[in-house]
ModelCIF file with pLDDT and N, C-alpha, C, O atoms, coordinates in Angstrom:
data_MODEL
#
_entry.id   MODEL 
#
_entity.id                         1 
_entity.type                       polymer 
_entity.pdbx_number_of_molecules   1 
#
_entity_poly.entity_id                      1 
_entity_poly.type                           'polypeptide(L)' 
_entity_poly.nstd_linkage                   no 
_entity_poly.nstd_monomer                   no 
_entity_poly.pdbx_seq_one_letter_code       LGSVILPTATVTKLHNGEALSDAEKRQVDELPAVTEQLVANIPRLDDV 
_entity_poly.pdbx_seq_one_letter_code_can   LGSVILPTATVTKLHNGEALSDAEKRQVDELPAVTEQLVANIPRLDDV 
_entity_poly.pdbx_strand_id                 A 
#
loop_
_entity_poly_seq.entity_id 
_entity_poly_seq.num 
_entity_poly_seq.mon_id 
_entity_poly_seq.hetero 
1 1  LEU n 
1 2  GLY n 
1 3  SER n 
1 4  VAL n 
1 5  ILE n 
1 6  LEU n 
1 7  PRO n 
1 8  THR n 
1 9  ALA n 
1 10 THR n 
1 11 VAL n 
1 12 THR n 
1 13 LYS n 
1 14 LEU n 
1 15 HIS n 
1 16 ASN n 
1 17 GLY n 
1 18 GLU n 
1 19 ALA n 
1 20 LEU n 
1 21 SER n 
1 22 ASP n 
1 23 ALA n 
1 24 GLU n 
1 25 LYS n 
1 26 ARG n 
1 27 GLN n 
1 28 VAL n 
1 29 ASP n 
1 30 GLU n 
1 31 LEU n 
1 32 PRO n 
1 33 ALA n 
1 34 VAL n 
1 35 THR n 
1 36 GLU n 
1 37 GLN n 
1 38 LEU n 
1 39 VAL n 
1 40 ALA n 
1 41 ASN n 
1 42 ILE n 
1 43 PRO n 
1 44 ARG n 
1 45 LEU n 
1 46 ASP n 
1 47 ASP n 
1 48 VAL n 
#
_struct_asym.id          A 
_struct_asym.entity_id   1 
#
loop_
_ma_qa_metric.id 
_ma_qa_metric.mode 
_ma_qa_metric.name 
_ma_qa_metric.software_group_id 
_ma_qa_metric.type 
1 global pLDDT . pLDDT 
2 local  pLDDT . pLDDT 
#
_ma_qa_metric_global.metric_id      1 
_ma_qa_metric_global.metric_value   81.81 
_ma_qa_metric_global.model_id       1 
_ma_qa_metric_global.ordinal_id     1 
#
loop_
_ma_qa_metric_local.label_asym_id 
_ma_qa_metric_local.label_comp_id 
_ma_qa_metric_local.label_seq_id 
_ma_qa_metric_local.metric_id 
_ma_qa_metric_local.metric_value 
_ma_qa_metric_local.model_id 
_ma_qa_metric_local.ordinal_id 
A LEU 1  2 81.00 1 1  
A GLY 2  2 79.00 1 2  
A SER 3  2 79.00 1 3  
A VAL 4  2 77.00 1 4  
A ILE 5  2 79.00 1 5  
A LEU 6  2 83.00 1 6  
A PRO 7  2 84.00 1 7  
A THR 8  2 78.00 1 8  
A ALA 9  2 82.00 1 9  
A THR 10 2 85.00 1 10 
A VAL 11 2 79.00 1 11 
A THR 12 2 77.00 1 12 
A LYS 13 2 82.00 1 13 
A LEU 14 2 76.00 1 14 
A HIS 15 2 71.00 1 15 
A ASN 16 2 73.00 1 16 
A GLY 17 2 73.00 1 17 
A GLU 18 2 81.00 1 18 
A ALA 19 2 83.00 1 19 
A LEU 20 2 87.00 1 20 
A SER 21 2 90.00 1 21 
A ASP 22 2 90.00 1 22 
A ALA 23 2 90.00 1 23 
A GLU 24 2 89.00 1 24 
A LYS 25 2 87.00 1 25 
A ARG 26 2 88.00 1 26 
A GLN 27 2 86.00 1 27 
A VAL 28 2 84.00 1 28 
A ASP 29 2 83.00 1 29 
A GLU 30 2 84.00 1 30 
A LEU 31 2 82.00 1 31 
A PRO 32 2 82.00 1 32 
A ALA 33 2 82.00 1 33 
A VAL 34 2 83.00 1 34 
A THR 35 2 83.00 1 35 
A GLU 36 2 82.00 1 36 
A GLN 37 2 82.00 1 37 
A LEU 38 2 82.00 1 38 
A VAL 39 2 83.00 1 39 
A ALA 40 2 81.00 1 40 
A ASN 41 2 78.00 1 41 
A ILE 42 2 77.00 1 42 
A PRO 43 2 74.00 1 43 
A ARG 44 2 75.00 1 44 
A LEU 45 2 82.00 1 45 
A ASP 46 2 84.00 1 46 
A ASP 47 2 87.00 1 47 
A VAL 48 2 88.00 1 48 
#
loop_
_atom_site.group_PDB 
_atom_site.id 
_atom_site.type_symbol 
_atom_site.label_atom_id 
_atom_site.label_alt_id 
_atom_site.label_comp_id 
_atom_site.label_asym_id 
_atom_site.label_entity_id 
_atom_site.label_seq_id 
_atom_site.pdbx_PDB_ins_code 
_atom_site.Cartn_x 
_atom_site.Cartn_y 
_atom_site.Cartn_z 
_atom_site.occupancy 
_atom_site.B_iso_or_equiv 
_atom_site.pdbx_formal_charge 
_atom_site.auth_seq_id 
_atom_site.auth_comp_id 
_atom_site.auth_asym_id 
_atom_site.auth_atom_id 
_atom_site.pdbx_PDB_model_num 
ATOM 1   N N  . LEU A 1 1  ? 11.266 10.664 4.484  1.00 81.00 ? 1  LEU A N  1 
ATOM 2   C CA . LEU A 1 1  ? 10.467 9.576  3.908  1.00 81.00 ? 1  LEU A CA 1 
ATOM 3   C C  . LEU A 1 1  ? 9.347  9.129  4.837  1.00 81.00 ? 1  LEU A C  1 
ATOM 4   O O  . LEU A 1 1  ? 8.269  8.752  4.376  1.00 81.00 ? 1  LEU A O  1 
ATOM 5   N N  . GLY A 1 2  ? 9.595  9.169  6.144  1.00 79.00 ? 2  GLY A N  1 
ATOM 6   C CA . GLY A 1 2  ? 8.586  8.739  7.092  1.00 79.00 ? 2  GLY A CA 1 
ATOM 7   C C  . GLY A 1 2  ? 7.332  9.581  7.075  1.00 79.00 ? 2  GLY A C  1 
ATOM 8   O O  . GLY A 1 2  ? 6.308  9.183  7.631  1.00 79.00 ? 2  GLY A O  1 
ATOM 9   N N  . SER A 1 3  ? 7.398  10.754 6.437  1.00 79.00 ? 3  SER A N  1 
ATOM 10  C CA . SER A 1 3  ? 6.235  11.638 6.382  1.00 79.00 ? 3  SER A CA 1 
ATOM 11  C C  . SER A 1 3  ? 5.059  11.011 5.650  1.00 79.00 ? 3  SER A C  1 
ATOM 12  O O  . SER A 1 3  ? 3.935  11.506 5.743  1.00 79.00 ? 3  SER A O  1 
ATOM 13  N N  . VAL A 1 4  ? 5.305  9.932  4.924  1.00 77.00 ? 4  VAL A N  1 
ATOM 14  C CA . VAL A 1 4  ? 4.212  9.280  4.197  1.00 77.00 ? 4  VAL A CA 1 
ATOM 15  C C  . VAL A 1 4  ? 3.150  8.721  5.145  1.00 77.00 ? 4  VAL A C  1 
ATOM 16  O O  . VAL A 1 4  ? 2.028  8.450  4.715  1.00 77.00 ? 4  VAL A O  1 
ATOM 17  N N  . ILE A 1 5  ? 3.484  8.544  6.433  1.00 79.00 ? 5  ILE A N  1 
ATOM 18  C CA . ILE A 1 5  ? 2.505  7.996  7.376  1.00 79.00 ? 5  ILE A CA 1 
ATOM 19  C C  . ILE A 1 5  ? 1.654  9.092  8.007  1.00 79.00 ? 5  ILE A C  1 
ATOM 20  O O  . ILE A 1 5  ? 0.688  8.789  8.706  1.00 79.00 ? 5  ILE A O  1 
ATOM 21  N N  . LEU A 1 6  ? 1.989  10.349 7.777  1.00 83.00 ? 6  LEU A N  1 
ATOM 22  C CA . LEU A 1 6  ? 1.287  11.448 8.434  1.00 83.00 ? 6  LEU A CA 1 
ATOM 23  C C  . LEU A 1 6  ? 0.056  11.883 7.644  1.00 83.00 ? 6  LEU A C  1 
ATOM 24  O O  . LEU A 1 6  ? 0.069  11.866 6.413  1.00 83.00 ? 6  LEU A O  1 
ATOM 25  N N  . PRO A 1 7  ? -1.012 12.273 8.352  1.00 84.00 ? 7  PRO A N  1 
ATOM 26  C CA . PRO A 1 7  ? -2.162 12.864 7.674  1.00 84.00 ? 7  PRO A CA 1 
ATOM 27  C C  . PRO A 1 7  ? -1.761 14.165 6.985  1.00 84.00 ? 7  PRO A C  1 
ATOM 28  O O  . PRO A 1 7  ? -0.833 14.845 7.423  1.00 84.00 ? 7  PRO A O  1 
ATOM 29  N N  . THR A 1 8  ? -2.450 14.501 5.926  1.00 78.00 ? 8  THR A N  1 
ATOM 30  C CA . THR A 1 8  ? -2.132 15.706 5.162  1.00 78.00 ? 8  THR A CA 1 
ATOM 31  C C  . THR A 1 8  ? -2.168 16.951 6.035  1.00 78.00 ? 8  THR A C  1 
ATOM 32  O O  . THR A 1 8  ? -1.323 17.835 5.897  1.00 78.00 ? 8  THR A O  1 
ATOM 33  N N  . ALA A 1 9  ? -3.146 17.023 6.934  1.00 82.00 ? 9  ALA A N  1 
ATOM 34  C CA . ALA A 1 9  ? -3.274 18.202 7.793  1.00 82.00 ? 9  ALA A CA 1 
ATOM 35  C C  . ALA A 1 9  ? -2.045 18.383 8.686  1.00 82.00 ? 9  ALA A C  1 
ATOM 36  O O  . ALA A 1 9  ? -1.619 19.511 8.936  1.00 82.00 ? 9  ALA A O  1 
ATOM 37  N N  . THR A 1 10 ? -1.481 17.280 9.163  1.00 85.00 ? 10 THR A N  1 
ATOM 38  C CA . THR A 1 10 ? -0.290 17.349 10.012 1.00 85.00 ? 10 THR A CA 1 
ATOM 39  C C  . THR A 1 10 ? 0.924  17.798 9.207  1.00 85.00 ? 10 THR A C  1 
ATOM 40  O O  . THR A 1 10 ? 1.729  18.603 9.676  1.00 85.00 ? 10 THR A O  1 
ATOM 41  N N  . VAL A 1 11 ? 1.046  17.272 7.995  1.00 79.00 ? 11 VAL A N  1 
ATOM 42  C CA . VAL A 1 11 ? 2.149  17.678 7.121  1.00 79.00 ? 11 VAL A CA 1 
ATOM 43  C C  . VAL A 1 11 ? 2.069  19.173 6.828  1.00 79.00 ? 11 VAL A C  1 
ATOM 44  O O  . VAL A 1 11 ? 3.088  19.864 6.813  1.00 79.00 ? 11 VAL A O  1 
ATOM 45  N N  . THR A 1 12 ? 0.862  19.668 6.597  1.00 77.00 ? 12 THR A N  1 
ATOM 46  C CA . THR A 1 12 ? 0.673  21.097 6.319  1.00 77.00 ? 12 THR A CA 1 
ATOM 47  C C  . THR A 1 12 ? 1.078  21.933 7.527  1.00 77.00 ? 12 THR A C  1 
ATOM 48  O O  . THR A 1 12 ? 1.708  22.980 7.377  1.00 77.00 ? 12 THR A O  1 
ATOM 49  N N  . LYS A 1 13 ? 0.719  21.475 8.722  1.00 82.00 ? 13 LYS A N  1 
ATOM 50  C CA . LYS A 1 13 ? 1.111  22.203 9.929  1.00 82.00 ? 13 LYS A CA 1 
ATOM 51  C C  . LYS A 1 13 ? 2.631  22.269 10.061 1.00 82.00 ? 13 LYS A C  1 
ATOM 52  O O  . LYS A 1 13 ? 3.193  23.316 10.383 1.00 82.00 ? 13 LYS A O  1 
ATOM 53  N N  . LEU A 1 14 ? 3.284  21.146 9.810  1.00 76.00 ? 14 LEU A N  1 
ATOM 54  C CA . LEU A 1 14 ? 4.741  21.125 9.885  1.00 76.00 ? 14 LEU A CA 1 
ATOM 55  C C  . LEU A 1 14 ? 5.344  22.095 8.887  1.00 76.00 ? 14 LEU A C  1 
ATOM 56  O O  . LEU A 1 14 ? 6.285  22.823 9.205  1.00 76.00 ? 14 LEU A O  1 
ATOM 57  N N  . HIS A 1 15 ? 4.796  22.103 7.671  1.00 71.00 ? 15 HIS A N  1 
ATOM 58  C CA . HIS A 1 15 ? 5.311  22.983 6.628  1.00 71.00 ? 15 HIS A CA 1 
ATOM 59  C C  . HIS A 1 15 ? 5.144  24.447 7.009  1.00 71.00 ? 15 HIS A C  1 
ATOM 60  O O  . HIS A 1 15 ? 6.011  25.272 6.718  1.00 71.00 ? 15 HIS A O  1 
ATOM 61  N N  . ASN A 1 16 ? 4.031  24.769 7.658  1.00 73.00 ? 16 ASN A N  1 
ATOM 62  C CA . ASN A 1 16 ? 3.739  26.153 8.017  1.00 73.00 ? 16 ASN A CA 1 
ATOM 63  C C  . ASN A 1 16 ? 4.303  26.562 9.372  1.00 73.00 ? 16 ASN A C  1 
ATOM 64  O O  . ASN A 1 16 ? 4.147  27.707 9.797  1.00 73.00 ? 16 ASN A O  1 
ATOM 65  N N  . GLY A 1 17 ? 4.962  25.615 10.053 1.00 73.00 ? 17 GLY A N  1 
ATOM 66  C CA . GLY A 1 17 ? 5.535  25.931 11.354 1.00 73.00 ? 17 GLY A CA 1 
ATOM 67  C C  . GLY A 1 17 ? 4.489  26.122 12.438 1.00 73.00 ? 17 GLY A C  1 
ATOM 68  O O  . GLY A 1 17 ? 4.728  26.846 13.404 1.00 73.00 ? 17 GLY A O  1 
ATOM 69  N N  . GLU A 1 18 ? 3.316  25.475 12.289 1.00 81.00 ? 18 GLU A N  1 
ATOM 70  C CA . GLU A 1 18 ? 2.231  25.632 13.256 1.00 81.00 ? 18 GLU A CA 1 
ATOM 71  C C  . GLU A 1 18 ? 2.385  24.640 14.415 1.00 81.00 ? 18 GLU A C  1 
ATOM 72  O O  . GLU A 1 18 ? 3.058  23.617 14.289 1.00 81.00 ? 18 GLU A O  1 
ATOM 73  N N  . ALA A 1 19 ? 1.746  24.965 15.547 1.00 83.00 ? 19 ALA A N  1 
ATOM 74  C CA . ALA A 1 19 ? 1.800  24.099 16.721 1.00 83.00 ? 19 ALA A CA 1 
ATOM 75  C C  . ALA A 1 19 ? 1.055  22.795 16.450 1.00 83.00 ? 19 ALA A C  1 
ATOM 76  O O  . ALA A 1 19 ? 0.027  22.783 15.772 1.00 83.00 ? 19 ALA A O  1 
ATOM 77  N N  . LEU A 1 20 ? 1.588  21.698 16.987 1.00 87.00 ? 20 LEU A N  1 
ATOM 78  C CA . LEU A 1 20 ? 0.984  20.379 16.810 1.00 87.00 ? 20 LEU A CA 1 
ATOM 79  C C  . LEU A 1 20 ? 0.270  19.944 18.083 1.00 87.00 ? 20 LEU A C  1 
ATOM 80  O O  . LEU A 1 20 ? 0.646  20.335 19.187 1.00 87.00 ? 20 LEU A O  1 
ATOM 81  N N  . SER A 1 21 ? -0.758 19.137 17.911 1.00 90.00 ? 21 SER A N  1 
ATOM 82  C CA . SER A 1 21 ? -1.432 18.554 19.063 1.00 90.00 ? 21 SER A CA 1 
ATOM 83  C C  . SER A 1 21 ? -0.551 17.451 19.649 1.00 90.00 ? 21 SER A C  1 
ATOM 84  O O  . SER A 1 21 ? 0.435  17.052 19.030 1.00 90.00 ? 21 SER A O  1 
ATOM 85  N N  . ASP A 1 22 ? -0.898 16.960 20.833 1.00 90.00 ? 22 ASP A N  1 
ATOM 86  C CA . ASP A 1 22 ? -0.116 15.894 21.452 1.00 90.00 ? 22 ASP A CA 1 
ATOM 87  C C  . ASP A 1 22 ? -0.114 14.638 20.575 1.00 90.00 ? 22 ASP A C  1 
ATOM 88  O O  . ASP A 1 22 ? 0.906  13.964 20.439 1.00 90.00 ? 22 ASP A O  1 
ATOM 89  N N  . ALA A 1 23 ? -1.267 14.339 19.986 1.00 90.00 ? 23 ALA A N  1 
ATOM 90  C CA . ALA A 1 23 ? -1.357 13.163 19.116 1.00 90.00 ? 23 ALA A CA 1 
ATOM 91  C C  . ALA A 1 23 ? -0.468 13.329 17.889 1.00 90.00 ? 23 ALA A C  1 
ATOM 92  O O  . ALA A 1 23 ? 0.210  12.391 17.470 1.00 90.00 ? 23 ALA A O  1 
ATOM 93  N N  . GLU A 1 24 ? -0.478 14.524 17.322 1.00 89.00 ? 24 GLU A N  1 
ATOM 94  C CA . GLU A 1 24 ? 0.362  14.785 16.150 1.00 89.00 ? 24 GLU A CA 1 
ATOM 95  C C  . GLU A 1 24 ? 1.842  14.716 16.510 1.00 89.00 ? 24 GLU A C  1 
ATOM 96  O O  . GLU A 1 24 ? 2.651  14.235 15.716 1.00 89.00 ? 24 GLU A O  1 
ATOM 97  N N  . LYS A 1 25 ? 2.198  15.189 17.688 1.00 87.00 ? 25 LYS A N  1 
ATOM 98  C CA . LYS A 1 25 ? 3.594  15.122 18.128 1.00 87.00 ? 25 LYS A CA 1 
ATOM 99  C C  . LYS A 1 25 ? 4.048  13.673 18.242 1.00 87.00 ? 25 LYS A C  1 
ATOM 100 O O  . LYS A 1 25 ? 5.170  13.332 17.869 1.00 87.00 ? 25 LYS A O  1 
ATOM 101 N N  . ARG A 1 26 ? 3.156  12.815 18.766 1.00 88.00 ? 26 ARG A N  1 
ATOM 102 C CA . ARG A 1 26 ? 3.504  11.390 18.880 1.00 88.00 ? 26 ARG A CA 1 
ATOM 103 C C  . ARG A 1 26 ? 3.713  10.783 17.504 1.00 88.00 ? 26 ARG A C  1 
ATOM 104 O O  . ARG A 1 26 ? 4.617  9.969  17.316 1.00 88.00 ? 26 ARG A O  1 
ATOM 105 N N  . GLN A 1 27 ? 2.891  11.169 16.545 1.00 86.00 ? 27 GLN A N  1 
ATOM 106 C CA . GLN A 1 27 ? 3.044  10.665 15.185 1.00 86.00 ? 27 GLN A CA 1 
ATOM 107 C C  . GLN A 1 27 ? 4.373  11.109 14.577 1.00 86.00 ? 27 GLN A C  1 
ATOM 108 O O  . GLN A 1 27 ? 5.064  10.326 13.926 1.00 86.00 ? 27 GLN A O  1 
ATOM 109 N N  . VAL A 1 28 ? 4.714  12.364 14.798 1.00 84.00 ? 28 VAL A N  1 
ATOM 110 C CA . VAL A 1 28 ? 5.972  12.898 14.267 1.00 84.00 ? 28 VAL A CA 1 
ATOM 111 C C  . VAL A 1 28 ? 7.162  12.211 14.923 1.00 84.00 ? 28 VAL A C  1 
ATOM 112 O O  . VAL A 1 28 ? 8.181  11.970 14.275 1.00 84.00 ? 28 VAL A O  1 
ATOM 113 N N  . ASP A 1 29 ? 7.032  11.893 16.220 1.00 83.00 ? 29 ASP A N  1 
ATOM 114 C CA . ASP A 1 29 ? 8.121  11.214 16.926 1.00 83.00 ? 29 ASP A CA 1 
ATOM 115 C C  . ASP A 1 29 ? 8.395  9.816  16.361 1.00 83.00 ? 29 ASP A C  1 
ATOM 116 O O  . ASP A 1 29 ? 9.481  9.270  16.552 1.00 83.00 ? 29 ASP A O  1 
ATOM 117 N N  . GLU A 1 30 ? 7.413  9.241  15.667 1.00 84.00 ? 30 GLU A N  1 
ATOM 118 C CA . GLU A 1 30 ? 7.583  7.910  15.090 1.00 84.00 ? 30 GLU A CA 1 
ATOM 119 C C  . GLU A 1 30 ? 8.314  7.939  13.747 1.00 84.00 ? 30 GLU A C  1 
ATOM 120 O O  . GLU A 1 30 ? 8.726  6.895  13.241 1.00 84.00 ? 30 GLU A O  1 
ATOM 121 N N  . LEU A 1 31 ? 8.473  9.119  13.176 1.00 82.00 ? 31 LEU A N  1 
ATOM 122 C CA . LEU A 1 31 ? 9.028  9.218  11.827 1.00 82.00 ? 31 LEU A CA 1 
ATOM 123 C C  . LEU A 1 31 ? 10.430 8.627  11.685 1.00 82.00 ? 31 LEU A C  1 
ATOM 124 O O  . LEU A 1 31 ? 10.670 7.896  10.724 1.00 82.00 ? 31 LEU A O  1 
ATOM 125 N N  . PRO A 1 32 ? 11.380 8.911  12.606 1.00 82.00 ? 32 PRO A N  1 
ATOM 126 C CA . PRO A 1 32 ? 12.720 8.344  12.428 1.00 82.00 ? 32 PRO A CA 1 
ATOM 127 C C  . PRO A 1 32 ? 12.726 6.828  12.319 1.00 82.00 ? 32 PRO A C  1 
ATOM 128 O O  . PRO A 1 32 ? 13.455 6.271  11.498 1.00 82.00 ? 32 PRO A O  1 
ATOM 129 N N  . ALA A 1 33 ? 11.917 6.147  13.143 1.00 82.00 ? 33 ALA A N  1 
ATOM 130 C CA . ALA A 1 33 ? 11.879 4.686  13.102 1.00 82.00 ? 33 ALA A CA 1 
ATOM 131 C C  . ALA A 1 33 ? 11.306 4.198  11.779 1.00 82.00 ? 33 ALA A C  1 
ATOM 132 O O  . ALA A 1 33 ? 11.808 3.232  11.204 1.00 82.00 ? 33 ALA A O  1 
ATOM 133 N N  . VAL A 1 34 ? 10.259 4.859  11.294 1.00 83.00 ? 34 VAL A N  1 
ATOM 134 C CA . VAL A 1 34 ? 9.661  4.466  10.012 1.00 83.00 ? 34 VAL A CA 1 
ATOM 135 C C  . VAL A 1 34 ? 10.665 4.662  8.884  1.00 83.00 ? 34 VAL A C  1 
ATOM 136 O O  . VAL A 1 34 ? 10.820 3.801  8.017  1.00 83.00 ? 34 VAL A O  1 
ATOM 137 N N  . THR A 1 35 ? 11.343 5.804  8.905  1.00 83.00 ? 35 THR A N  1 
ATOM 138 C CA . THR A 1 35 ? 12.331 6.105  7.867  1.00 83.00 ? 35 THR A CA 1 
ATOM 139 C C  . THR A 1 35 ? 13.455 5.088  7.874  1.00 83.00 ? 35 THR A C  1 
ATOM 140 O O  . THR A 1 35 ? 13.874 4.610  6.819  1.00 83.00 ? 35 THR A O  1 
ATOM 141 N N  . GLU A 1 36 ? 13.947 4.754  9.062  1.00 82.00 ? 36 GLU A N  1 
ATOM 142 C CA . GLU A 1 36 ? 15.044 3.794  9.168  1.00 82.00 ? 36 GLU A CA 1 
ATOM 143 C C  . GLU A 1 36 ? 14.642 2.442  8.609  1.00 82.00 ? 36 GLU A C  1 
ATOM 144 O O  . GLU A 1 36 ? 15.450 1.763  7.976  1.00 82.00 ? 36 GLU A O  1 
ATOM 145 N N  . GLN A 1 37 ? 13.390 2.046  8.840  1.00 82.00 ? 37 GLN A N  1 
ATOM 146 C CA . GLN A 1 37 ? 12.907 0.774  8.309  1.00 82.00 ? 37 GLN A CA 1 
ATOM 147 C C  . GLN A 1 37 ? 12.843 0.787  6.789  1.00 82.00 ? 37 GLN A C  1 
ATOM 148 O O  . GLN A 1 37 ? 13.141 -0.217 6.142  1.00 82.00 ? 37 GLN A O  1 
ATOM 149 N N  . LEU A 1 38 ? 12.455 1.924  6.220  1.00 82.00 ? 38 LEU A N  1 
ATOM 150 C CA . LEU A 1 38 ? 12.398 2.042  4.767  1.00 82.00 ? 38 LEU A CA 1 
ATOM 151 C C  . LEU A 1 38 ? 13.796 1.965  4.154  1.00 82.00 ? 38 LEU A C  1 
ATOM 152 O O  . LEU A 1 38 ? 14.009 1.285  3.150  1.00 82.00 ? 38 LEU A O  1 
ATOM 153 N N  . VAL A 1 39 ? 14.739 2.669  4.771  1.00 83.00 ? 39 VAL A N  1 
ATOM 154 C CA . VAL A 1 39 ? 16.107 2.711  4.240  1.00 83.00 ? 39 VAL A CA 1 
ATOM 155 C C  . VAL A 1 39 ? 16.793 1.358  4.404  1.00 83.00 ? 39 VAL A C  1 
ATOM 156 O O  . VAL A 1 39 ? 17.708 1.030  3.649  1.00 83.00 ? 39 VAL A O  1 
ATOM 157 N N  . ALA A 1 40 ? 16.356 0.575  5.384  1.00 81.00 ? 40 ALA A N  1 
ATOM 158 C CA . ALA A 1 40 ? 16.963 -0.740 5.624  1.00 81.00 ? 40 ALA A CA 1 
ATOM 159 C C  . ALA A 1 40 ? 16.847 -1.651 4.405  1.00 81.00 ? 40 ALA A C  1 
ATOM 160 O O  . ALA A 1 40 ? 17.584 -2.630 4.289  1.00 81.00 ? 40 ALA A O  1 
ATOM 161 N N  . ASN A 1 41 ? 15.923 -1.334 3.496  1.00 78.00 ? 41 ASN A N  1 
ATOM 162 C CA . ASN A 1 41 ? 15.747 -2.158 2.297  1.00 78.00 ? 41 ASN A CA 1 
ATOM 163 C C  . ASN A 1 41 ? 16.770 -1.865 1.213  1.00 78.00 ? 41 ASN A C  1 
ATOM 164 O O  . ASN A 1 41 ? 16.832 -2.576 0.210  1.00 78.00 ? 41 ASN A O  1 
ATOM 165 N N  . ILE A 1 42 ? 17.570 -0.829 1.404  1.00 77.00 ? 42 ILE A N  1 
ATOM 166 C CA . ILE A 1 42 ? 18.556 -0.442 0.390  1.00 77.00 ? 42 ILE A CA 1 
ATOM 167 C C  . ILE A 1 42 ? 19.950 -0.870 0.853  1.00 77.00 ? 42 ILE A C  1 
ATOM 168 O O  . ILE A 1 42 ? 20.377 -0.471 1.936  1.00 77.00 ? 42 ILE A O  1 
ATOM 169 N N  . PRO A 1 43 ? 20.665 -1.664 0.068  1.00 74.00 ? 43 PRO A N  1 
ATOM 170 C CA . PRO A 1 43 ? 22.004 -2.116 0.482  1.00 74.00 ? 43 PRO A CA 1 
ATOM 171 C C  . PRO A 1 43 ? 23.025 -0.987 0.477  1.00 74.00 ? 43 PRO A C  1 
ATOM 172 O O  . PRO A 1 43 ? 22.862 0.018  -0.215 1.00 74.00 ? 43 PRO A O  1 
ATOM 173 N N  . ARG A 1 44 ? 24.088 -1.176 1.269  1.00 75.00 ? 44 ARG A N  1 
ATOM 174 C CA . ARG A 1 44 ? 25.237 -0.277 1.318  1.00 75.00 ? 44 ARG A CA 1 
ATOM 175 C C  . ARG A 1 44 ? 24.900 1.096  1.904  1.00 75.00 ? 44 ARG A C  1 
ATOM 176 O O  . ARG A 1 44 ? 25.586 2.077  1.616  1.00 75.00 ? 44 ARG A O  1 
ATOM 177 N N  . LEU A 1 45 ? 23.868 1.167  2.707  1.00 82.00 ? 45 LEU A N  1 
ATOM 178 C CA . LEU A 1 45 ? 23.521 2.438  3.347  1.00 82.00 ? 45 LEU A CA 1 
ATOM 179 C C  . LEU A 1 45 ? 23.616 2.343  4.870  1.00 82.00 ? 45 LEU A C  1 
ATOM 180 O O  . LEU A 1 45 ? 22.864 3.002  5.587  1.00 82.00 ? 45 LEU A O  1 
ATOM 181 N N  . ASP A 1 46 ? 24.542 1.521  5.356  1.00 84.00 ? 46 ASP A N  1 
ATOM 182 C CA . ASP A 1 46 ? 24.668 1.325  6.801  1.00 84.00 ? 46 ASP A CA 1 
ATOM 183 C C  . ASP A 1 46 ? 24.994 2.623  7.520  1.00 84.00 ? 46 ASP A C  1 
ATOM 184 O O  . ASP A 1 46 ? 24.442 2.892  8.587  1.00 84.00 ? 46 ASP A O  1 
ATOM 185 N N  . ASP A 1 47 ? 25.885 3.435  6.953  1.00 87.00 ? 47 ASP A N  1 
ATOM 186 C CA . ASP A 1 47 ? 26.261 4.692  7.608  1.00 87.00 ? 47 ASP A CA 1 
ATOM 187 C C  . ASP A 1 47 ? 25.085 5.674  7.626  1.00 87.00 ? 47 ASP A C  1 
ATOM 188 O O  . ASP A 1 47 ? 24.870 6.384  8.608  1.00 87.00 ? 47 ASP A O  1 
ATOM 189 N N  . VAL A 1 48 ? 24.338 5.703  6.535  1.00 88.00 ? 48 VAL A N  1 
ATOM 190 C CA . VAL A 1 48 ? 23.162 6.577  6.482  1.00 88.00 ? 48 VAL A CA 1 
ATOM 191 C C  . VAL A 1 48 ? 22.128 6.112  7.502  1.00 88.00 ? 48 VAL A C  1 
ATOM 192 O O  . VAL A 1 48 ? 21.061 6.715  7.619  1.00 88.00 ? 48 VAL A O  1 
#
């Protein structure tokens, strides 16, 4: 879900297994936190 914050070009690189720039790597590293924040809005998903 956190992929919604990524530029299209970065998503395409991830899909194709291409190397990422340092800036893109930092963006990808932020995905778990963004995803967790999104899921926090749904009740009964503490284990997830």
